Amino acid sequence: MNQSPDIERIIVRARSVTRIEEGEGVAVTCCKGAIWITQANDARDVVLEAGESFVLDRPGLALVFAIADSAVILGPGWRIPAGASVPVPAEPERLCA
């Protein structure tokens, strides 16, 4: 399966940080491990475990800290109107493979 050019799979080692510059609208999916996300000018802490996603919703810098060795996918976030239906790939976990 070919991945879209705007999807990037990264490995973040335990206790390492990955910077995402101007990431507003980027979907961050934790495929393996656990990560902590913080965004500039945002008091929230977002913790994701394997299988969970979050769309960055602030302009500026976002940091992804790996709590454990982690596999992460960065891709376009979807803005879906309420009540809309969205097709889901039959095997979405293949993106994490």
N, C-alpha and C. Protein backbone atom coordinates (compact mmCIF):
# COMPACT_ATOMS: atom_id res chain seq x y z
N MET A 1 0.85 -1.18 0.00
CA MET A 1 0.00 0.00 0.00
C MET A 1 0.89 1.23 0.00
N ASN A 2 0.65 2.15 -0.92
CA ASN A 2 1.42 3.39 -0.96
C ASN A 2 0.80 4.41 -0.03
N GLN A 3 1.65 5.07 0.76
CA GLN A 3 1.16 6.11 1.65
C GLN A 3 1.09 7.42 0.89
N SER A 4 0.15 8.26 1.29
CA SER A 4 0.03 9.59 0.72
C SER A 4 1.30 10.38 1.02
N PRO A 5 1.75 11.26 0.11
CA PRO A 5 2.97 12.02 0.37
C PRO A 5 2.85 12.95 1.57
N ASP A 6 1.61 13.28 2.00
CA ASP A 6 1.51 14.14 3.17
C ASP A 6 1.37 13.36 4.46
N ILE A 7 1.64 12.07 4.44
CA ILE A 7 1.65 11.26 5.66
C ILE A 7 3.09 10.87 5.95
N GLU A 8 3.51 11.15 7.18
CA GLU A 8 4.88 10.85 7.58
C GLU A 8 4.87 9.96 8.81
N ARG A 9 5.57 8.85 8.73
CA ARG A 9 5.70 7.94 9.88
C ARG A 9 7.04 8.20 10.53
N ILE A 10 7.03 8.43 11.84
CA ILE A 10 8.28 8.70 12.56
C ILE A 10 8.37 7.80 13.79
N ILE A 11 9.59 7.52 14.17
CA ILE A 11 9.87 6.80 15.41
C ILE A 11 10.42 7.82 16.40
N VAL A 12 9.83 7.85 17.59
CA VAL A 12 10.31 8.76 18.63
C VAL A 12 10.76 7.89 19.79
N ARG A 13 12.03 7.94 20.09
CA ARG A 13 12.59 7.11 21.17
C ARG A 13 12.15 7.65 22.53
N ALA A 14 12.09 6.76 23.51
CA ALA A 14 11.67 7.14 24.87
C ALA A 14 12.48 8.34 25.36
N ARG A 15 11.78 9.27 25.96
CA ARG A 15 12.34 10.49 26.55
C ARG A 15 12.95 11.42 25.51
N SER A 16 12.53 11.31 24.24
CA SER A 16 12.99 12.24 23.18
C SER A 16 11.83 13.14 22.79
N VAL A 17 12.20 14.25 22.17
CA VAL A 17 11.21 15.24 21.74
C VAL A 17 11.31 15.44 20.23
N THR A 18 10.17 15.53 19.58
CA THR A 18 10.09 15.89 18.17
C THR A 18 9.33 17.21 18.07
N ARG A 19 9.88 18.13 17.29
CA ARG A 19 9.27 19.45 17.09
C ARG A 19 8.41 19.42 15.83
N ILE A 20 7.24 20.02 15.93
CA ILE A 20 6.38 20.21 14.76
C ILE A 20 6.14 21.71 14.65
N GLU A 21 6.75 22.31 13.63
CA GLU A 21 6.64 23.76 13.42
C GLU A 21 5.37 24.05 12.63
N GLU A 22 4.62 25.06 13.06
CA GLU A 22 3.40 25.48 12.35
C GLU A 22 2.52 24.28 12.00
N GLY A 23 2.19 23.50 13.03
CA GLY A 23 1.48 22.24 12.80
C GLY A 23 -0.03 22.30 12.87
N GLU A 24 -0.60 23.48 12.97
CA GLU A 24 -2.06 23.56 13.07
C GLU A 24 -2.71 22.77 11.93
N GLY A 25 -3.64 21.88 12.30
CA GLY A 25 -4.33 21.05 11.31
C GLY A 25 -3.68 19.70 11.07
N VAL A 26 -2.51 19.46 11.67
CA VAL A 26 -1.84 18.17 11.50
C VAL A 26 -2.43 17.16 12.49
N ALA A 27 -2.78 15.98 11.98
CA ALA A 27 -3.26 14.90 12.84
C ALA A 27 -2.05 14.11 13.33
N VAL A 28 -1.97 13.91 14.64
CA VAL A 28 -0.90 13.12 15.25
C VAL A 28 -1.54 11.83 15.75
N THR A 29 -1.07 10.70 15.23
CA THR A 29 -1.60 9.40 15.63
C THR A 29 -0.49 8.59 16.27
N CYS A 30 -0.74 8.09 17.47
CA CYS A 30 0.21 7.22 18.15
C CYS A 30 -0.13 5.79 17.77
N CYS A 31 0.79 5.14 17.06
CA CYS A 31 0.57 3.76 16.62
C CYS A 31 1.11 2.76 17.63
N LYS A 32 2.16 3.15 18.32
CA LYS A 32 2.82 2.26 19.28
C LYS A 32 3.40 3.13 20.38
N GLY A 33 3.36 2.66 21.61
CA GLY A 33 3.94 3.41 22.72
C GLY A 33 2.97 4.41 23.31
N ALA A 34 3.53 5.52 23.80
CA ALA A 34 2.73 6.58 24.41
C ALA A 34 3.48 7.90 24.23
N ILE A 35 2.72 8.95 23.90
CA ILE A 35 3.32 10.26 23.67
C ILE A 35 2.56 11.34 24.43
N TRP A 36 3.25 12.43 24.69
CA TRP A 36 2.67 13.61 25.32
C TRP A 36 2.85 14.75 24.34
N ILE A 37 1.78 15.51 24.09
CA ILE A 37 1.82 16.62 23.14
C ILE A 37 1.52 17.91 23.87
N THR A 38 2.32 18.93 23.59
CA THR A 38 2.01 20.28 24.07
C THR A 38 2.15 21.24 22.90
N GLN A 39 1.27 22.24 22.89
CA GLN A 39 1.27 23.23 21.82
C GLN A 39 1.53 24.62 22.40
N ALA A 40 2.13 25.49 21.60
CA ALA A 40 2.35 26.87 22.03
C ALA A 40 1.01 27.52 22.37
N ASN A 41 1.01 28.30 23.45
CA ASN A 41 -0.18 29.05 23.88
C ASN A 41 -1.38 28.16 24.16
N ASP A 42 -1.14 26.99 24.72
CA ASP A 42 -2.21 26.05 25.05
C ASP A 42 -1.88 25.41 26.39
N ALA A 43 -2.75 25.59 27.36
CA ALA A 43 -2.49 25.06 28.70
C ALA A 43 -2.79 23.56 28.81
N ARG A 44 -3.41 22.99 27.78
CA ARG A 44 -3.75 21.56 27.85
C ARG A 44 -2.52 20.68 27.68
N ASP A 45 -2.58 19.53 28.29
CA ASP A 45 -1.63 18.45 28.04
C ASP A 45 -2.42 17.34 27.36
N VAL A 46 -1.90 16.83 26.26
CA VAL A 46 -2.57 15.75 25.53
C VAL A 46 -1.67 14.53 25.60
N VAL A 47 -2.19 13.44 26.12
CA VAL A 47 -1.44 12.19 26.19
C VAL A 47 -2.16 11.17 25.31
N LEU A 48 -1.41 10.58 24.40
CA LEU A 48 -1.97 9.57 23.50
C LEU A 48 -1.28 8.24 23.72
N GLU A 49 -2.06 7.18 23.71
CA GLU A 49 -1.53 5.82 23.72
C GLU A 49 -1.80 5.21 22.35
N ALA A 50 -1.26 4.04 22.12
CA ALA A 50 -1.41 3.37 20.82
C ALA A 50 -2.88 3.35 20.39
N GLY A 51 -3.12 3.77 19.14
CA GLY A 51 -4.46 3.77 18.59
C GLY A 51 -5.21 5.08 18.74
N GLU A 52 -4.63 6.06 19.45
CA GLU A 52 -5.31 7.33 19.67
C GLU A 52 -4.71 8.42 18.79
N SER A 53 -5.55 9.42 18.46
CA SER A 53 -5.13 10.53 17.61
C SER A 53 -5.57 11.86 18.20
N PHE A 54 -4.89 12.92 17.74
CA PHE A 54 -5.24 14.29 18.12
C PHE A 54 -4.86 15.19 16.96
N VAL A 55 -5.74 16.15 16.64
CA VAL A 55 -5.43 17.12 15.59
C VAL A 55 -4.95 18.40 16.26
N LEU A 56 -3.73 18.83 15.90
CA LEU A 56 -3.18 20.06 16.46
C LEU A 56 -4.09 21.22 16.06
N ASP A 57 -4.47 22.03 17.05
CA ASP A 57 -5.45 23.09 16.78
C ASP A 57 -4.95 24.48 17.14
N ARG A 58 -3.64 24.63 17.24
CA ARG A 58 -3.04 25.93 17.53
C ARG A 58 -1.94 26.21 16.53
N PRO A 59 -1.79 27.47 16.11
CA PRO A 59 -0.65 27.82 15.25
C PRO A 59 0.63 27.80 16.08
N GLY A 60 1.76 27.71 15.42
CA GLY A 60 3.04 27.75 16.11
C GLY A 60 3.60 26.37 16.38
N LEU A 61 4.46 26.32 17.37
CA LEU A 61 5.21 25.11 17.70
C LEU A 61 4.40 24.12 18.52
N ALA A 62 4.53 22.84 18.18
CA ALA A 62 4.00 21.75 19.01
C ALA A 62 5.16 20.81 19.29
N LEU A 63 5.19 20.26 20.48
CA LEU A 63 6.23 19.31 20.87
C LEU A 63 5.58 17.96 21.15
N VAL A 64 6.22 16.90 20.66
CA VAL A 64 5.77 15.54 20.92
C VAL A 64 6.88 14.86 21.72
N PHE A 65 6.57 14.50 22.96
CA PHE A 65 7.52 13.83 23.85
C PHE A 65 7.13 12.37 23.97
N ALA A 66 8.08 11.48 23.76
CA ALA A 66 7.80 10.04 23.85
C ALA A 66 7.96 9.58 25.29
N ILE A 67 6.89 9.09 25.86
CA ILE A 67 6.93 8.53 27.21
C ILE A 67 7.63 7.17 27.15
N ALA A 68 7.41 6.45 26.06
CA ALA A 68 8.07 5.17 25.78
C ALA A 68 8.45 5.20 24.30
N ASP A 69 9.27 4.26 23.85
CA ASP A 69 9.56 4.19 22.41
C ASP A 69 8.22 4.16 21.68
N SER A 70 8.08 5.04 20.68
CA SER A 70 6.77 5.23 20.04
C SER A 70 6.89 5.33 18.53
N ALA A 71 5.86 4.84 17.85
CA ALA A 71 5.70 5.04 16.41
C ALA A 71 4.54 6.01 16.24
N VAL A 72 4.78 7.05 15.45
CA VAL A 72 3.81 8.14 15.31
C VAL A 72 3.59 8.41 13.82
N ILE A 73 2.36 8.70 13.47
CA ILE A 73 2.05 9.13 12.10
C ILE A 73 1.58 10.57 12.16
N LEU A 74 2.15 11.40 11.28
CA LEU A 74 1.72 12.78 11.11
C LEU A 74 1.04 12.87 9.75
N GLY A 75 -0.13 13.45 9.72
CA GLY A 75 -0.85 13.56 8.46
C GLY A 75 -1.88 14.67 8.52
N PRO A 76 -2.60 14.86 7.44
CA PRO A 76 -3.60 15.93 7.42
C PRO A 76 -4.76 15.60 8.35
N GLY A 77 -5.16 16.59 9.12
CA GLY A 77 -6.34 16.43 9.97
C GLY A 77 -7.59 16.71 9.16
N TRP A 78 -8.65 16.03 9.46
CA TRP A 78 -9.90 16.23 8.73
C TRP A 78 -10.79 17.15 9.53
N ARG A 79 -11.40 18.10 8.86
CA ARG A 79 -12.44 18.92 9.46
C ARG A 79 -13.75 18.43 8.85
N ILE A 80 -14.55 17.79 9.68
CA ILE A 80 -15.76 17.14 9.20
C ILE A 80 -16.97 17.81 9.84
N PRO A 81 -17.93 18.28 9.04
CA PRO A 81 -19.13 18.89 9.61
C PRO A 81 -19.91 17.87 10.43
N ALA A 82 -20.56 18.37 11.48
CA ALA A 82 -21.38 17.49 12.32
C ALA A 82 -22.42 16.79 11.46
N GLY A 83 -22.62 15.53 11.71
CA GLY A 83 -23.61 14.74 10.99
C GLY A 83 -23.13 14.18 9.66
N ALA A 84 -21.92 14.55 9.25
CA ALA A 84 -21.39 14.03 7.98
C ALA A 84 -20.92 12.60 8.16
N SER A 85 -20.95 11.84 7.08
CA SER A 85 -20.43 10.49 7.15
C SER A 85 -19.11 10.42 6.39
N VAL A 86 -18.17 9.69 6.95
CA VAL A 86 -16.82 9.62 6.39
C VAL A 86 -16.45 8.17 6.19
N PRO A 87 -15.99 7.81 4.97
CA PRO A 87 -15.55 6.43 4.77
C PRO A 87 -14.25 6.17 5.52
N VAL A 88 -14.16 5.03 6.14
CA VAL A 88 -12.96 4.64 6.87
C VAL A 88 -12.32 3.47 6.15
N PRO A 89 -10.98 3.51 5.94
CA PRO A 89 -10.33 2.39 5.28
C PRO A 89 -10.62 1.08 6.01
N ALA A 90 -10.73 0.00 5.26
CA ALA A 90 -11.04 -1.30 5.85
C ALA A 90 -9.98 -1.73 6.85
N GLU A 91 -8.73 -1.34 6.63
CA GLU A 91 -7.64 -1.74 7.52
C GLU A 91 -6.79 -0.53 7.88
N PRO A 92 -7.32 0.43 8.70
CA PRO A 92 -6.56 1.64 9.00
C PRO A 92 -5.25 1.35 9.73
N GLU A 93 -5.17 0.23 10.43
CA GLU A 93 -3.94 -0.10 11.16
C GLU A 93 -2.76 -0.34 10.23
N ARG A 94 -3.00 -0.57 8.95
CA ARG A 94 -1.90 -0.80 8.00
C ARG A 94 -1.02 0.44 7.88
N LEU A 95 -1.57 1.63 8.13
CA LEU A 95 -0.75 2.84 8.09
C LEU A 95 0.33 2.80 9.17
N CYS A 96 0.05 2.11 10.26
CA CYS A 96 0.99 2.05 11.37
C CYS A 96 2.03 0.95 11.19
N ALA A 97 1.84 0.09 10.22
CA ALA A 97 2.76 -1.04 10.04
C ALA A 97 4.10 -0.58 9.49
